[in-house]
Amino acid sequence: MALPSQATVEELDPVFAEMAAASFQRARAGKELTPRELALIGLVGDVCTQVLGMPYELHVRAALDNGLDADDLRELLRFLSYDSGYPAALAALERLAAIEREHGLPGPTGQRHQVDADGTGSPMPAAMRAEVRALDPDFADYMDLQSRMRAGMSRISVRERAFATMAVDVAYQTLQESFRAHVGRALGAGATPDEVRAAVRATAPFGMTRTWRALNVLDALLATAAGT
């Protein structure tokens, strides 16, 4: 059984299908991001909005068509869980497994990273850790745990992870501390300002007004990063 396609959407409503296709094409215009990065951003939008029906299946299809496999998709959901929330990531994981069963897709091979849940410290920048610890020491311990448990991930690149967490920020409108940190991570991973802007713009089909607000905040962050 094949995964849903654009033709399936057209069967529901051809006008809607035309509008949706044009919207995604326009939001993703340009060569700044790879098809794989765009597929990941699409999945992030589904997880955060908990839209796990046909749109999620379409985006799983796009991810598979662009080189991601079942292990990659699971690492993405594990990575997202601390920003999207564990319940949202778990619901997406459950639906992913169901899609694989329903359509006879290859499942995960069991490849995994080492979870350092019992360790100490954190790979987060020292200044950020100090800022959070001054706010609430117990919450700082929680953040240390979350970052430490993900430190060994390697299937999703640092740049891709940065774009993914920026998409979470747009979806949830957490456009202060975390958005600043995630934009900084993207730039630190070698992304250009235009590529960072394209990653935010790619979220527009999931809610244009949220993207509009995020682009306003991004302008100020990029200006600060450039020293202007």
N, C-alpha and C. Protein backbone atom coordinates (compact mmCIF):
# COMPACT_ATOMS: atom_id res chain seq x y z
N MET A 1 0.85 -1.19 0.00
CA MET A 1 0.00 0.00 0.00
C MET A 1 0.89 1.24 0.00
N ALA A 2 0.65 2.17 -0.90
CA ALA A 2 1.48 3.36 -1.02
C ALA A 2 1.05 4.42 -0.03
N LEU A 3 2.00 5.25 0.37
CA LEU A 3 1.69 6.39 1.20
C LEU A 3 0.88 7.42 0.41
N PRO A 4 0.13 8.29 1.09
CA PRO A 4 -0.66 9.30 0.38
C PRO A 4 0.23 10.17 -0.50
N SER A 5 -0.36 10.69 -1.57
CA SER A 5 0.35 11.56 -2.49
C SER A 5 -0.50 12.80 -2.75
N GLN A 6 0.04 13.71 -3.55
CA GLN A 6 -0.71 14.90 -3.95
C GLN A 6 -2.03 14.51 -4.62
N ALA A 7 -2.02 13.42 -5.36
CA ALA A 7 -3.25 12.96 -6.02
C ALA A 7 -4.33 12.62 -4.99
N THR A 8 -3.91 12.08 -3.84
CA THR A 8 -4.88 11.75 -2.79
C THR A 8 -5.53 13.02 -2.26
N VAL A 9 -4.74 14.07 -2.07
CA VAL A 9 -5.28 15.34 -1.60
C VAL A 9 -6.25 15.91 -2.63
N GLU A 10 -5.92 15.78 -3.89
CA GLU A 10 -6.79 16.29 -4.96
C GLU A 10 -8.14 15.59 -4.96
N GLU A 11 -8.17 14.33 -4.56
CA GLU A 11 -9.43 13.60 -4.48
C GLU A 11 -10.35 14.21 -3.42
N LEU A 12 -9.76 14.74 -2.35
CA LEU A 12 -10.57 15.36 -1.29
C LEU A 12 -11.12 16.70 -1.74
N ASP A 13 -10.25 17.51 -2.34
CA ASP A 13 -10.69 18.83 -2.82
C ASP A 13 -9.60 19.38 -3.73
N PRO A 14 -9.84 19.42 -5.03
CA PRO A 14 -8.79 19.86 -5.96
C PRO A 14 -8.37 21.31 -5.76
N VAL A 15 -9.29 22.15 -5.34
CA VAL A 15 -8.94 23.55 -5.12
C VAL A 15 -8.00 23.68 -3.92
N PHE A 16 -8.34 22.97 -2.82
CA PHE A 16 -7.47 22.98 -1.65
C PHE A 16 -6.10 22.43 -2.01
N ALA A 17 -6.06 21.35 -2.77
CA ALA A 17 -4.79 20.74 -3.17
C ALA A 17 -3.93 21.74 -3.94
N GLU A 18 -4.57 22.51 -4.82
CA GLU A 18 -3.83 23.51 -5.60
C GLU A 18 -3.29 24.61 -4.70
N MET A 19 -4.14 25.07 -3.75
CA MET A 19 -3.71 26.11 -2.82
C MET A 19 -2.55 25.65 -1.94
N ALA A 20 -2.67 24.44 -1.41
CA ALA A 20 -1.64 23.92 -0.51
C ALA A 20 -0.31 23.72 -1.25
N ALA A 21 -0.38 23.16 -2.46
CA ALA A 21 0.84 22.93 -3.23
C ALA A 21 1.54 24.25 -3.54
N ALA A 22 0.76 25.26 -3.94
CA ALA A 22 1.35 26.57 -4.24
C ALA A 22 1.96 27.21 -3.00
N SER A 23 1.30 27.01 -1.83
CA SER A 23 1.79 27.61 -0.58
C SER A 23 3.12 27.00 -0.16
N PHE A 24 3.22 25.66 -0.19
CA PHE A 24 4.47 25.02 0.18
C PHE A 24 5.58 25.38 -0.80
N GLN A 25 5.23 25.45 -2.08
CA GLN A 25 6.24 25.77 -3.09
C GLN A 25 6.77 27.19 -2.88
N ARG A 26 5.89 28.13 -2.59
CA ARG A 26 6.32 29.52 -2.41
C ARG A 26 7.13 29.67 -1.13
N ALA A 27 6.69 29.04 -0.04
CA ALA A 27 7.39 29.17 1.24
C ALA A 27 8.78 28.54 1.17
N ARG A 28 8.94 27.57 0.28
CA ARG A 28 10.21 26.85 0.17
C ARG A 28 11.00 27.24 -1.07
N ALA A 29 10.61 28.34 -1.68
CA ALA A 29 11.32 28.78 -2.89
C ALA A 29 12.76 29.13 -2.54
N GLY A 30 13.64 28.95 -3.48
CA GLY A 30 15.05 29.24 -3.27
C GLY A 30 15.85 27.97 -3.05
N LYS A 31 17.16 28.12 -3.03
CA LYS A 31 18.07 26.98 -2.94
C LYS A 31 18.80 26.95 -1.60
N GLU A 32 18.34 27.73 -0.62
CA GLU A 32 19.09 27.83 0.63
C GLU A 32 19.10 26.52 1.42
N LEU A 33 17.98 25.80 1.40
CA LEU A 33 17.86 24.59 2.21
C LEU A 33 17.80 23.36 1.31
N THR A 34 18.27 22.25 1.83
CA THR A 34 18.20 20.99 1.08
C THR A 34 16.80 20.40 1.20
N PRO A 35 16.40 19.53 0.27
CA PRO A 35 15.11 18.84 0.40
C PRO A 35 15.00 18.06 1.71
N ARG A 36 16.11 17.50 2.18
CA ARG A 36 16.10 16.77 3.46
C ARG A 36 15.78 17.73 4.61
N GLU A 37 16.39 18.90 4.62
CA GLU A 37 16.12 19.88 5.68
C GLU A 37 14.66 20.33 5.65
N LEU A 38 14.13 20.54 4.45
CA LEU A 38 12.73 20.94 4.34
C LEU A 38 11.80 19.83 4.82
N ALA A 39 12.16 18.58 4.54
CA ALA A 39 11.34 17.46 5.01
C ALA A 39 11.34 17.40 6.53
N LEU A 40 12.49 17.64 7.14
CA LEU A 40 12.58 17.63 8.60
C LEU A 40 11.73 18.75 9.21
N ILE A 41 11.79 19.94 8.62
CA ILE A 41 10.99 21.05 9.12
C ILE A 41 9.50 20.74 9.01
N GLY A 42 9.10 20.07 7.92
CA GLY A 42 7.71 19.67 7.77
C GLY A 42 7.27 18.73 8.88
N LEU A 43 8.11 17.78 9.23
CA LEU A 43 7.78 16.84 10.30
C LEU A 43 7.69 17.56 11.65
N VAL A 44 8.58 18.51 11.88
CA VAL A 44 8.54 19.27 13.12
C VAL A 44 7.20 20.01 13.25
N GLY A 45 6.75 20.61 12.15
CA GLY A 45 5.46 21.30 12.19
C GLY A 45 4.34 20.38 12.58
N ASP A 46 4.35 19.15 12.06
CA ASP A 46 3.31 18.18 12.40
C ASP A 46 3.36 17.79 13.87
N VAL A 47 4.56 17.55 14.38
CA VAL A 47 4.70 17.13 15.78
C VAL A 47 4.18 18.23 16.71
N CYS A 48 4.58 19.46 16.45
CA CYS A 48 4.21 20.56 17.34
C CYS A 48 2.73 20.89 17.29
N THR A 49 2.11 20.73 16.14
CA THR A 49 0.68 21.00 16.02
C THR A 49 -0.16 19.74 16.25
N GLN A 50 0.52 18.60 16.43
CA GLN A 50 -0.13 17.30 16.61
C GLN A 50 -1.10 16.99 15.47
N VAL A 51 -0.69 17.33 14.26
CA VAL A 51 -1.41 16.97 13.05
C VAL A 51 -0.78 15.69 12.53
N LEU A 52 -1.33 14.54 12.95
CA LEU A 52 -0.67 13.26 12.71
C LEU A 52 -1.46 12.35 11.77
N GLY A 53 -2.37 12.95 10.99
CA GLY A 53 -3.11 12.18 10.00
C GLY A 53 -2.43 12.23 8.64
N MET A 54 -3.20 12.58 7.60
CA MET A 54 -2.67 12.60 6.25
C MET A 54 -1.48 13.54 6.09
N PRO A 55 -1.50 14.75 6.66
CA PRO A 55 -0.32 15.62 6.49
C PRO A 55 0.96 14.96 7.01
N TYR A 56 0.87 14.30 8.16
CA TYR A 56 2.05 13.63 8.72
C TYR A 56 2.51 12.50 7.79
N GLU A 57 1.57 11.75 7.26
CA GLU A 57 1.94 10.68 6.32
C GLU A 57 2.62 11.26 5.08
N LEU A 58 2.12 12.37 4.57
CA LEU A 58 2.73 13.01 3.41
C LEU A 58 4.16 13.46 3.71
N HIS A 59 4.36 13.98 4.92
CA HIS A 59 5.70 14.45 5.27
C HIS A 59 6.64 13.30 5.59
N VAL A 60 6.12 12.20 6.11
CA VAL A 60 6.94 11.00 6.27
C VAL A 60 7.39 10.52 4.89
N ARG A 61 6.47 10.54 3.94
CA ARG A 61 6.80 10.14 2.57
C ARG A 61 7.90 11.03 2.01
N ALA A 62 7.76 12.35 2.21
CA ALA A 62 8.77 13.28 1.71
C ALA A 62 10.13 13.01 2.36
N ALA A 63 10.12 12.71 3.65
CA ALA A 63 11.37 12.41 4.35
C ALA A 63 12.03 11.16 3.77
N LEU A 64 11.24 10.11 3.56
CA LEU A 64 11.78 8.88 3.00
C LEU A 64 12.28 9.09 1.58
N ASP A 65 11.56 9.89 0.82
CA ASP A 65 11.97 10.18 -0.56
C ASP A 65 13.27 10.97 -0.64
N ASN A 66 13.61 11.64 0.47
CA ASN A 66 14.81 12.48 0.48
C ASN A 66 15.91 11.91 1.37
N GLY A 67 15.92 10.58 1.48
CA GLY A 67 17.07 9.91 2.06
C GLY A 67 17.03 9.60 3.53
N LEU A 68 16.00 10.04 4.23
CA LEU A 68 15.88 9.70 5.65
C LEU A 68 15.31 8.30 5.80
N ASP A 69 15.69 7.59 6.85
CA ASP A 69 15.16 6.25 7.08
C ASP A 69 14.49 6.19 8.45
N ALA A 70 14.01 5.01 8.82
CA ALA A 70 13.27 4.86 10.07
C ALA A 70 14.10 5.23 11.29
N ASP A 71 15.40 4.92 11.27
CA ASP A 71 16.26 5.28 12.39
C ASP A 71 16.45 6.79 12.48
N ASP A 72 16.59 7.45 11.32
CA ASP A 72 16.72 8.91 11.31
C ASP A 72 15.47 9.58 11.88
N LEU A 73 14.31 9.08 11.47
CA LEU A 73 13.06 9.69 11.93
C LEU A 73 12.90 9.53 13.44
N ARG A 74 13.32 8.41 13.97
CA ARG A 74 13.24 8.21 15.41
C ARG A 74 14.21 9.11 16.16
N GLU A 75 15.40 9.30 15.59
CA GLU A 75 16.32 10.21 16.25
C GLU A 75 15.75 11.63 16.25
N LEU A 76 15.12 12.03 15.15
CA LEU A 76 14.49 13.35 15.12
C LEU A 76 13.47 13.49 16.24
N LEU A 77 12.60 12.48 16.41
CA LEU A 77 11.56 12.57 17.43
C LEU A 77 12.16 12.56 18.83
N ARG A 78 13.21 11.76 19.03
CA ARG A 78 13.89 11.77 20.33
C ARG A 78 14.48 13.16 20.60
N PHE A 79 15.11 13.71 19.57
CA PHE A 79 15.73 15.02 19.72
C PHE A 79 14.70 16.10 20.02
N LEU A 80 13.58 16.06 19.32
CA LEU A 80 12.55 17.09 19.49
C LEU A 80 11.88 17.04 20.85
N SER A 81 11.89 15.88 21.49
CA SER A 81 11.02 15.66 22.64
C SER A 81 11.21 16.68 23.75
N TYR A 82 12.43 17.19 23.95
CA TYR A 82 12.62 18.12 25.06
C TYR A 82 12.08 19.50 24.75
N ASP A 83 11.96 19.87 23.46
CA ASP A 83 11.39 21.16 23.09
C ASP A 83 9.91 21.06 22.74
N SER A 84 9.53 20.02 22.01
CA SER A 84 8.11 19.85 21.65
C SER A 84 7.31 19.36 22.84
N GLY A 85 7.98 18.71 23.81
CA GLY A 85 7.32 18.04 24.92
C GLY A 85 7.28 16.54 24.65
N TYR A 86 7.56 15.76 25.66
CA TYR A 86 7.58 14.31 25.49
C TYR A 86 6.24 13.74 25.02
N PRO A 87 5.09 14.22 25.54
CA PRO A 87 3.82 13.65 25.06
C PRO A 87 3.62 13.86 23.55
N ALA A 88 3.97 15.04 23.03
CA ALA A 88 3.80 15.30 21.60
C ALA A 88 4.70 14.40 20.78
N ALA A 89 5.96 14.24 21.20
CA ALA A 89 6.89 13.38 20.47
C ALA A 89 6.47 11.92 20.54
N LEU A 90 5.94 11.50 21.69
CA LEU A 90 5.48 10.11 21.82
C LEU A 90 4.30 9.83 20.91
N ALA A 91 3.36 10.76 20.82
CA ALA A 91 2.21 10.58 19.92
C ALA A 91 2.69 10.46 18.47
N ALA A 92 3.69 11.27 18.09
CA ALA A 92 4.22 11.19 16.73
C ALA A 92 4.96 9.88 16.50
N LEU A 93 5.67 9.38 17.52
CA LEU A 93 6.37 8.11 17.41
C LEU A 93 5.39 6.96 17.25
N GLU A 94 4.31 6.99 18.03
CA GLU A 94 3.29 5.95 17.91
C GLU A 94 2.68 5.94 16.52
N ARG A 95 2.39 7.14 16.00
CA ARG A 95 1.79 7.23 14.67
C ARG A 95 2.77 6.80 13.58
N LEU A 96 4.05 7.12 13.75
CA LEU A 96 5.06 6.70 12.79
C LEU A 96 5.13 5.18 12.69
N ALA A 97 5.13 4.51 13.84
CA ALA A 97 5.16 3.04 13.84
C ALA A 97 3.93 2.47 13.16
N ALA A 98 2.77 3.11 13.37
CA ALA A 98 1.53 2.64 12.73
C ALA A 98 1.60 2.83 11.22
N ILE A 99 2.15 3.95 10.77
CA ILE A 99 2.29 4.20 9.33
C ILE A 99 3.18 3.13 8.70
N GLU A 100 4.27 2.81 9.38
CA GLU A 100 5.18 1.78 8.86
C GLU A 100 4.48 0.43 8.74
N ARG A 101 3.67 0.09 9.74
CA ARG A 101 2.94 -1.18 9.69
C ARG A 101 1.88 -1.15 8.58
N GLU A 102 1.12 -0.08 8.51
CA GLU A 102 0.01 0.02 7.55
C GLU A 102 0.50 -0.05 6.11
N HIS A 103 1.68 0.50 5.85
CA HIS A 103 2.17 0.61 4.48
C HIS A 103 3.32 -0.33 4.18
N GLY A 104 3.64 -1.22 5.10
CA GLY A 104 4.70 -2.18 4.87
C GLY A 104 6.07 -1.56 4.67
N LEU A 105 6.34 -0.48 5.40
CA LEU A 105 7.62 0.22 5.27
C LEU A 105 8.66 -0.41 6.19
N PRO A 106 9.94 -0.29 5.82
CA PRO A 106 10.99 -0.80 6.71
C PRO A 106 10.96 -0.09 8.05
N GLY A 107 11.06 -0.83 9.12
CA GLY A 107 11.10 -0.26 10.46
C GLY A 107 12.52 0.05 10.88
N PRO A 108 12.71 0.47 12.12
CA PRO A 108 14.05 0.81 12.60
C PRO A 108 14.93 -0.42 12.74
N THR A 109 16.21 -0.20 12.63
CA THR A 109 17.17 -1.30 12.77
C THR A 109 17.63 -1.47 14.22
N GLY A 110 17.26 -0.50 15.05
CA GLY A 110 17.69 -0.56 16.44
C GLY A 110 18.94 0.25 16.72
N GLN A 111 19.49 0.91 15.69
CA GLN A 111 20.66 1.75 15.93
C GLN A 111 20.27 2.91 16.85
N ARG A 112 21.14 3.23 17.77
CA ARG A 112 20.80 4.24 18.77
C ARG A 112 22.07 4.91 19.28
N HIS A 113 21.89 6.05 19.92
CA HIS A 113 23.02 6.71 20.55
C HIS A 113 23.04 6.36 22.03
N GLN A 114 24.14 6.68 22.68
CA GLN A 114 24.27 6.41 24.10
C GLN A 114 23.56 7.50 24.89
N VAL A 115 22.64 7.10 25.76
CA VAL A 115 21.91 8.06 26.60
C VAL A 115 22.65 8.20 27.93
N ASP A 116 23.19 9.36 28.16
CA ASP A 116 24.00 9.60 29.37
C ASP A 116 23.11 10.18 30.47
N ALA A 117 22.07 9.43 30.84
CA ALA A 117 21.11 9.94 31.82
C ALA A 117 21.69 10.05 33.22
N ASP A 118 22.67 9.22 33.54
CA ASP A 118 23.22 9.20 34.90
C ASP A 118 24.52 9.98 35.03
N GLY A 119 24.88 10.70 33.97
CA GLY A 119 26.13 11.45 34.01
C GLY A 119 25.98 12.78 34.72
N THR A 120 26.95 13.64 34.51
CA THR A 120 26.92 14.98 35.09
C THR A 120 27.31 15.99 34.01
N GLY A 121 27.06 17.24 34.31
CA GLY A 121 27.45 18.29 33.37
C GLY A 121 26.49 18.40 32.21
N SER A 122 26.90 19.19 31.22
CA SER A 122 26.05 19.47 30.07
C SER A 122 26.90 20.05 28.95
N PRO A 123 26.58 19.74 27.69
CA PRO A 123 27.30 20.36 26.58
C PRO A 123 26.81 21.77 26.25
N MET A 124 25.82 22.27 26.98
CA MET A 124 25.33 23.62 26.72
C MET A 124 26.40 24.66 27.06
N PRO A 125 26.36 25.82 26.42
CA PRO A 125 27.33 26.88 26.73
C PRO A 125 27.27 27.26 28.22
N ALA A 126 28.43 27.55 28.78
CA ALA A 126 28.52 27.85 30.21
C ALA A 126 27.67 29.05 30.60
N ALA A 127 27.65 30.08 29.75
CA ALA A 127 26.88 31.28 30.07
C ALA A 127 25.38 30.98 30.16
N MET A 128 24.90 30.14 29.24
CA MET A 128 23.49 29.77 29.27
C MET A 128 23.17 28.96 30.52
N ARG A 129 24.04 28.02 30.85
CA ARG A 129 23.81 27.19 32.05
C ARG A 129 23.77 28.07 33.30
N ALA A 130 24.68 29.04 33.38
CA ALA A 130 24.72 29.92 34.54
C ALA A 130 23.46 30.76 34.63
N GLU A 131 22.98 31.23 33.49
CA GLU A 131 21.77 32.05 33.46
C GLU A 131 20.56 31.25 33.95
N VAL A 132 20.44 30.00 33.48
CA VAL A 132 19.31 29.17 33.89
C VAL A 132 19.45 28.77 35.35
N ARG A 133 20.65 28.49 35.81
CA ARG A 133 20.85 28.09 37.20
C ARG A 133 20.49 29.22 38.15
N ALA A 134 20.77 30.45 37.75
CA ALA A 134 20.40 31.59 38.58
C ALA A 134 18.88 31.75 38.65
N LEU A 135 18.21 31.30 37.59
CA LEU A 135 16.75 31.39 37.55
C LEU A 135 16.12 30.34 38.45
N ASP A 136 16.58 29.07 38.32
CA ASP A 136 16.02 27.98 39.11
C ASP A 136 16.98 26.79 39.04
N PRO A 137 17.67 26.47 40.13
CA PRO A 137 18.68 25.39 40.09
C PRO A 137 18.12 24.04 39.69
N ASP A 138 16.93 23.69 40.16
CA ASP A 138 16.36 22.39 39.81
C ASP A 138 16.01 22.32 38.33
N PHE A 139 15.49 23.42 37.80
CA PHE A 139 15.21 23.45 36.36
C PHE A 139 16.51 23.38 35.57
N ALA A 140 17.57 23.99 36.08
CA ALA A 140 18.87 23.92 35.42
C ALA A 140 19.36 22.48 35.36
N ASP A 141 19.14 21.73 36.43
CA ASP A 141 19.51 20.32 36.42
C ASP A 141 18.72 19.56 35.36
N TYR A 142 17.44 19.90 35.22
CA TYR A 142 16.61 19.26 34.20
C TYR A 142 17.14 19.58 32.80
N MET A 143 17.49 20.83 32.56
CA MET A 143 18.03 21.21 31.25
C MET A 143 19.36 20.52 30.98
N ASP A 144 20.19 20.42 32.00
CA ASP A 144 21.46 19.70 31.83
C ASP A 144 21.20 18.26 31.40
N LEU A 145 20.24 17.62 32.05
CA LEU A 145 19.90 16.24 31.71
C LEU A 145 19.45 16.13 30.26
N GLN A 146 18.55 17.03 29.85
CA GLN A 146 18.03 16.97 28.48
C GLN A 146 19.14 17.12 27.45
N SER A 147 20.01 18.09 27.65
CA SER A 147 21.08 18.31 26.67
C SER A 147 22.09 17.16 26.70
N ARG A 148 22.36 16.63 27.91
CA ARG A 148 23.33 15.53 28.02
C ARG A 148 22.82 14.26 27.35
N MET A 149 21.52 13.99 27.47
CA MET A 149 20.96 12.77 26.89
C MET A 149 20.98 12.79 25.37
N ARG A 150 21.12 13.97 24.77
CA ARG A 150 21.11 14.10 23.32
C ARG A 150 22.49 14.33 22.72
N ALA A 151 23.50 14.44 23.59
CA ALA A 151 24.83 14.82 23.12
C ALA A 151 25.42 13.81 22.15
N GLY A 152 25.04 12.54 22.25
CA GLY A 152 25.62 11.51 21.40
C GLY A 152 24.91 11.30 20.08
N MET A 153 23.88 12.08 19.79
CA MET A 153 23.15 11.91 18.54
C MET A 153 24.02 12.32 17.35
N SER A 154 23.91 11.58 16.25
CA SER A 154 24.75 11.89 15.09
C SER A 154 24.04 11.71 13.76
N ARG A 155 22.86 11.10 13.75
CA ARG A 155 22.18 10.85 12.48
C ARG A 155 21.60 12.15 11.90
N ILE A 156 21.19 13.06 12.77
CA ILE A 156 20.69 14.37 12.36
C ILE A 156 21.78 15.38 12.67
N SER A 157 22.23 16.13 11.68
CA SER A 157 23.37 17.02 11.85
C SER A 157 23.04 18.18 12.79
N VAL A 158 24.09 18.86 13.28
CA VAL A 158 23.91 20.01 14.16
C VAL A 158 23.10 21.10 13.45
N ARG A 159 23.41 21.34 12.20
CA ARG A 159 22.65 22.34 11.42
C ARG A 159 21.18 21.94 11.32
N GLU A 160 20.91 20.68 11.03
CA GLU A 160 19.53 20.21 10.93
C GLU A 160 18.82 20.31 12.28
N ARG A 161 19.53 19.98 13.34
CA ARG A 161 18.94 20.09 14.67
C ARG A 161 18.60 21.54 15.00
N ALA A 162 19.49 22.45 14.60
CA ALA A 162 19.22 23.86 14.85
C ALA A 162 17.97 24.32 14.11
N PHE A 163 17.86 23.96 12.84
CA PHE A 163 16.68 24.34 12.07
C PHE A 163 15.42 23.71 12.67
N ALA A 164 15.53 22.47 13.13
CA ALA A 164 14.37 21.79 13.72
C ALA A 164 13.90 22.52 14.98
N THR A 165 14.84 22.89 15.85
CA THR A 165 14.42 23.55 17.08
C THR A 165 13.93 24.97 16.82
N MET A 166 14.47 25.63 15.79
CA MET A 166 13.91 26.93 15.40
C MET A 166 12.46 26.77 14.96
N ALA A 167 12.15 25.69 14.24
CA ALA A 167 10.78 25.44 13.80
C ALA A 167 9.87 25.20 14.99
N VAL A 168 10.38 24.53 16.03
CA VAL A 168 9.60 24.36 17.26
C VAL A 168 9.29 25.73 17.86
N ASP A 169 10.30 26.59 17.92
CA ASP A 169 10.09 27.92 18.48
C ASP A 169 9.03 28.70 17.72
N VAL A 170 9.04 28.59 16.40
CA VAL A 170 8.03 29.29 15.60
C VAL A 170 6.65 28.73 15.93
N ALA A 171 6.54 27.41 15.98
CA ALA A 171 5.24 26.78 16.24
C ALA A 171 4.69 27.17 17.60
N TYR A 172 5.55 27.21 18.61
CA TYR A 172 5.11 27.51 19.98
C TYR A 172 5.25 28.99 20.33
N GLN A 173 5.84 29.78 19.41
CA GLN A 173 6.08 31.20 19.62
C GLN A 173 6.95 31.46 20.84
N THR A 174 7.91 30.57 21.07
CA THR A 174 8.91 30.76 22.11
C THR A 174 10.09 31.48 21.47
N LEU A 175 9.90 32.78 21.28
CA LEU A 175 10.82 33.56 20.44
C LEU A 175 11.77 34.44 21.26
N GLN A 176 12.01 34.02 22.50
CA GLN A 176 12.93 34.77 23.34
C GLN A 176 14.22 33.96 23.52
N GLU A 177 14.44 33.44 24.73
CA GLU A 177 15.71 32.78 25.05
C GLU A 177 16.02 31.61 24.14
N SER A 178 15.05 30.71 23.97
CA SER A 178 15.35 29.50 23.20
C SER A 178 15.56 29.81 21.72
N PHE A 179 14.76 30.70 21.15
CA PHE A 179 14.92 31.04 19.73
C PHE A 179 16.28 31.67 19.50
N ARG A 180 16.68 32.56 20.41
CA ARG A 180 18.00 33.18 20.30
C ARG A 180 19.10 32.12 20.32
N ALA A 181 18.97 31.16 21.23
CA ALA A 181 19.98 30.10 21.33
C ALA A 181 20.01 29.23 20.08
N HIS A 182 18.83 28.92 19.54
CA HIS A 182 18.77 28.03 18.38
C HIS A 182 19.25 28.73 17.11
N VAL A 183 18.95 30.00 16.97
CA VAL A 183 19.49 30.75 15.84
C VAL A 183 21.01 30.81 15.95
N GLY A 184 21.51 31.04 17.16
CA GLY A 184 22.95 31.06 17.37
C GLY A 184 23.59 29.72 17.04
N ARG A 185 22.90 28.63 17.37
CA ARG A 185 23.42 27.29 17.05
C ARG A 185 23.50 27.10 15.54
N ALA A 186 22.46 27.55 14.82
CA ALA A 186 22.47 27.42 13.36
C ALA A 186 23.62 28.21 12.75
N LEU A 187 23.81 29.45 13.20
CA LEU A 187 24.90 30.26 12.67
C LEU A 187 26.25 29.64 13.04
N GLY A 188 26.36 29.11 14.25
CA GLY A 188 27.58 28.48 14.69
C GLY A 188 27.91 27.22 13.90
N ALA A 189 26.85 26.57 13.37
CA ALA A 189 27.06 25.37 12.55
C ALA A 189 27.37 25.69 11.10
N GLY A 190 27.50 26.98 10.80
CA GLY A 190 27.89 27.38 9.45
C GLY A 190 26.76 27.86 8.57
N ALA A 191 25.52 27.90 9.08
CA ALA A 191 24.41 28.40 8.27
C ALA A 191 24.56 29.91 8.06
N THR A 192 24.23 30.37 6.89
CA THR A 192 24.27 31.80 6.60
C THR A 192 22.98 32.45 7.08
N PRO A 193 22.98 33.78 7.25
CA PRO A 193 21.73 34.46 7.61
C PRO A 193 20.59 34.16 6.64
N ASP A 194 20.88 34.07 5.34
CA ASP A 194 19.84 33.76 4.37
C ASP A 194 19.28 32.35 4.58
N GLU A 195 20.15 31.41 4.94
CA GLU A 195 19.70 30.04 5.19
C GLU A 195 18.85 29.97 6.46
N VAL A 196 19.25 30.72 7.48
CA VAL A 196 18.46 30.77 8.72
C VAL A 196 17.08 31.37 8.43
N ARG A 197 17.07 32.44 7.65
CA ARG A 197 15.80 33.07 7.29
C ARG A 197 14.92 32.10 6.49
N ALA A 198 15.54 31.34 5.59
CA ALA A 198 14.78 30.37 4.79
C ALA A 198 14.17 29.28 5.67
N ALA A 199 14.89 28.88 6.73
CA ALA A 199 14.37 27.86 7.64
C ALA A 199 13.13 28.37 8.37
N VAL A 200 13.15 29.63 8.77
CA VAL A 200 11.96 30.22 9.41
C VAL A 200 10.83 30.35 8.40
N ARG A 201 11.16 30.84 7.22
CA ARG A 201 10.13 31.03 6.18
C ARG A 201 9.46 29.71 5.81
N ALA A 202 10.18 28.60 5.88
CA ALA A 202 9.63 27.30 5.52
C ALA A 202 8.53 26.84 6.46
N THR A 203 8.40 27.51 7.61
CA THR A 203 7.33 27.15 8.56
C THR A 203 6.00 27.80 8.21
N ALA A 204 5.97 28.70 7.23
CA ALA A 204 4.77 29.49 6.94
C ALA A 204 3.52 28.66 6.65
N PRO A 205 3.62 27.52 5.93
CA PRO A 205 2.40 26.75 5.69
C PRO A 205 1.75 26.18 6.94
N PHE A 206 2.45 26.21 8.06
CA PHE A 206 1.88 25.71 9.31
C PHE A 206 1.23 26.83 10.13
N GLY A 207 1.24 28.04 9.61
CA GLY A 207 0.64 29.17 10.30
C GLY A 207 1.37 30.45 9.95
N MET A 208 0.88 31.17 8.97
CA MET A 208 1.59 32.32 8.42
C MET A 208 1.85 33.40 9.46
N THR A 209 0.89 33.66 10.34
CA THR A 209 1.06 34.77 11.28
C THR A 209 2.17 34.46 12.29
N ARG A 210 2.34 33.18 12.66
CA ARG A 210 3.42 32.83 13.57
C ARG A 210 4.77 33.06 12.89
N THR A 211 4.87 32.70 11.62
CA THR A 211 6.11 32.91 10.88
C THR A 211 6.41 34.40 10.73
N TRP A 212 5.40 35.19 10.49
CA TRP A 212 5.55 36.64 10.37
C TRP A 212 6.19 37.20 11.64
N ARG A 213 5.65 36.81 12.80
CA ARG A 213 6.20 37.29 14.06
C ARG A 213 7.64 36.82 14.24
N ALA A 214 7.91 35.56 13.90
CA ALA A 214 9.25 35.01 14.05
C ALA A 214 10.26 35.74 13.17
N LEU A 215 9.86 36.11 11.96
CA LEU A 215 10.76 36.83 11.06
C LEU A 215 11.11 38.21 11.61
N ASN A 216 10.16 38.85 12.28
CA ASN A 216 10.45 40.13 12.91
C ASN A 216 11.49 39.97 14.02
N VAL A 217 11.33 38.95 14.83
CA VAL A 217 12.30 38.70 15.90
C VAL A 217 13.65 38.31 15.30
N LEU A 218 13.63 37.48 14.26
CA LEU A 218 14.87 37.04 13.62
C LEU A 218 15.66 38.22 13.08
N ASP A 219 14.99 39.20 12.49
CA ASP A 219 15.68 40.37 11.97
C ASP A 219 16.56 41.02 13.04
N ALA A 220 15.98 41.18 14.23
CA ALA A 220 16.73 41.81 15.32
C ALA A 220 17.91 40.94 15.75
N LEU A 221 17.71 39.63 15.80
CA LEU A 221 18.79 38.72 16.21
C LEU A 221 19.93 38.74 15.20
N LEU A 222 19.58 38.73 13.91
CA LEU A 222 20.63 38.73 12.87
C LEU A 222 21.38 40.06 12.86
N ALA A 223 20.67 41.14 13.13
CA ALA A 223 21.32 42.45 13.18
C ALA A 223 22.32 42.50 14.34
N THR A 224 21.92 41.92 15.48
CA THR A 224 22.82 41.87 16.63
C THR A 224 24.04 41.00 16.33
N ALA A 225 23.79 39.86 15.68
CA ALA A 225 24.89 38.96 15.33
C ALA A 225 25.88 39.63 14.37
N ALA A 226 25.35 40.49 13.51
CA ALA A 226 26.21 41.17 12.54
C ALA A 226 26.86 42.42 13.11
N GLY A 227 26.44 42.78 14.33
CA GLY A 227 27.01 43.96 14.97
C GLY A 227 26.48 45.26 14.44
N THR A 228 25.25 45.22 13.87
CA THR A 228 24.67 46.45 13.34
C THR A 228 23.53 46.94 14.22
